[in-house]
Amino acid sequence: MARRPDRIRIEVFGPASEAEAVEDAFRPSEEAIRSLARLIGRQIAREQFERARALERKQARQNRSGPMR
């Protein structure tokens, strides 16, 4: 059986240019968040529109049938 090392060594390397790295680090995630928010907003608008149309159709059916005597 092979002997395991007592400690694991992890090396961390800092960014080459800190100002440049901060901008680049958030750019992809910001674009993804905006894209996701846009998709969610469109879905909400679509659902609201469908509910409004369904209500209009329901009211139109009720108006066509009129009161029964």
C-alpha atoms as a PDB file:
ATOM      1  CA  MET A   1       0.000   0.000   0.000  1.00  0.00           C
ATOM      2  CA  ALA A   2       1.360   3.412  -0.977  1.00  0.00           C
ATOM      3  CA  ARG A   3       1.950   5.923   1.750  1.00  0.00           C
ATOM      4  CA  ARG A   4      -0.184   9.060   1.619  1.00  0.00           C
ATOM      5  CA  PRO A   5       1.400  12.438   2.245  1.00  0.00           C
ATOM      6  CA  ASP A   6       0.547  14.005   5.592  1.00  0.00           C
ATOM      7  CA  ARG A   7      -0.301  17.367   4.069  1.00  0.00           C
ATOM      8  CA  ILE A   8      -1.696  18.524   0.788  1.00  0.00           C
ATOM      9  CA  ARG A   9       0.026  21.523  -0.663  1.00  0.00           C
ATOM     10  CA  ILE A  10      -2.011  24.024  -2.669  1.00  0.00           C
ATOM     11  CA  GLU A  11      -0.359  26.897  -4.460  1.00  0.00           C
ATOM     12  CA  VAL A  12      -2.379  30.024  -5.178  1.00  0.00           C
ATOM     13  CA  PHE A  13      -1.286  32.379  -7.908  1.00  0.00           C
ATOM     14  CA  GLY A  14      -2.528  35.955  -7.922  1.00  0.00           C
ATOM     15  CA  PRO A  15      -3.695  37.706 -11.073  1.00  0.00           C
ATOM     16  CA  ALA A  16      -1.146  39.332 -13.338  1.00  0.00           C
ATOM     17  CA  SER A  17      -2.828  42.724 -13.179  1.00  0.00           C
ATOM     18  CA  GLU A  18      -5.339  43.168 -10.373  1.00  0.00           C
ATOM     19  CA  ALA A  19      -7.448  45.941 -11.975  1.00  0.00           C
ATOM     20  CA  GLU A  20      -7.714  44.038 -15.235  1.00  0.00           C
ATOM     21  CA  ALA A  21      -8.466  40.756 -13.498  1.00  0.00           C
ATOM     22  CA  VAL A  22     -11.358  42.185 -11.454  1.00  0.00           C
ATOM     23  CA  GLU A  23     -13.086  43.510 -14.566  1.00  0.00           C
ATOM     24  CA  ASP A  24     -12.559  40.270 -16.465  1.00  0.00           C
ATOM     25  CA  ALA A  25     -13.657  38.143 -13.521  1.00  0.00           C
ATOM     26  CA  PHE A  26     -17.126  39.705 -13.315  1.00  0.00           C
ATOM     27  CA  ARG A  27     -17.823  40.309 -16.997  1.00  0.00           C
ATOM     28  CA  PRO A  28     -18.950  36.761 -17.948  1.00  0.00           C
ATOM     29  CA  SER A  29     -21.105  36.330 -14.862  1.00  0.00           C
ATOM     30  CA  GLU A  30     -22.682  39.769 -15.323  1.00  0.00           C
ATOM     31  CA  GLU A  31     -23.562  38.955 -18.932  1.00  0.00           C
ATOM     32  CA  ALA A  32     -25.065  35.628 -17.886  1.00  0.00           C
ATOM     33  CA  ILE A  33     -27.108  37.278 -15.133  1.00  0.00           C
ATOM     34  CA  ARG A  34     -28.444  39.914 -17.528  1.00  0.00           C
ATOM     35  CA  SER A  35     -29.341  37.278 -20.090  1.00  0.00           C
ATOM     36  CA  LEU A  36     -31.129  35.177 -17.480  1.00  0.00           C
ATOM     37  CA  ALA A  37     -32.990  38.231 -16.145  1.00  0.00           C
ATOM     38  CA  ARG A  38     -34.079  39.100 -19.681  1.00  0.00           C
ATOM     39  CA  LEU A  39     -35.427  35.581 -20.227  1.00  0.00           C
ATOM     40  CA  ILE A  40     -37.276  35.608 -16.903  1.00  0.00           C
ATOM     41  CA  GLY A  41     -38.761  39.020 -17.676  1.00  0.00           C
ATOM     42  CA  ARG A  42     -40.004  37.838 -21.059  1.00  0.00           C
ATOM     43  CA  GLN A  43     -41.582  34.754 -19.493  1.00  0.00           C
ATOM     44  CA  ILE A  44     -43.370  36.863 -16.867  1.00  0.00           C
ATOM     45  CA  ALA A  45     -44.651  39.254 -19.554  1.00  0.00           C
ATOM     46  CA  ARG A  46     -45.844  36.302 -21.666  1.00  0.00           C
ATOM     47  CA  GLU A  47     -47.738  34.800 -18.729  1.00  0.00           C
ATOM     48  CA  GLN A  48     -49.356  38.147 -17.851  1.00  0.00           C
ATOM     49  CA  PHE A  49     -50.413  38.628 -21.467  1.00  0.00           C
ATOM     50  CA  GLU A  50     -51.917  35.135 -21.628  1.00  0.00           C
ATOM     51  CA  ARG A  51     -53.879  35.739 -18.392  1.00  0.00           C
ATOM     52  CA  ALA A  52     -55.211  39.060 -19.721  1.00  0.00           C
ATOM     53  CA  ARG A  53     -56.266  37.434 -23.011  1.00  0.00           C
ATOM     54  CA  ALA A  54     -57.991  34.587 -21.166  1.00  0.00           C
ATOM     55  CA  LEU A  55     -59.899  37.097 -19.025  1.00  0.00           C
ATOM     56  CA  GLU A  56     -60.941  39.023 -22.153  1.00  0.00           C
ATOM     57  CA  ARG A  57     -62.171  35.817 -23.811  1.00  0.00           C
ATOM     58  CA  LYS A  58     -64.104  34.854 -20.679  1.00  0.00           C
ATOM     59  CA  GLN A  59     -65.777  38.258 -20.487  1.00  0.00           C
ATOM     60  CA  ALA A  60     -66.606  38.158 -24.214  1.00  0.00           C
ATOM     61  CA  ARG A  61     -68.273  34.732 -23.804  1.00  0.00           C
ATOM     62  CA  GLN A  62     -70.293  35.982 -20.862  1.00  0.00           C
ATOM     63  CA  ASN A  63     -71.381  39.103 -22.765  1.00  0.00           C
ATOM     64  CA  ARG A  64     -72.420  37.041 -25.823  1.00  0.00           C
ATOM     65  CA  SER A  65     -74.555  34.659 -23.822  1.00  0.00           C
ATOM     66  CA  GLY A  66     -76.237  37.545 -21.979  1.00  0.00           C
ATOM     67  CA  PRO A  67     -78.719  37.106 -19.158  1.00  0.00           C
ATOM     68  CA  MET A  68     -81.066  34.149 -19.593  1.00  0.00           C
ATOM     69  CA  ARG A  69     -84.825  34.803 -18.996  1.00  0.00           C
END
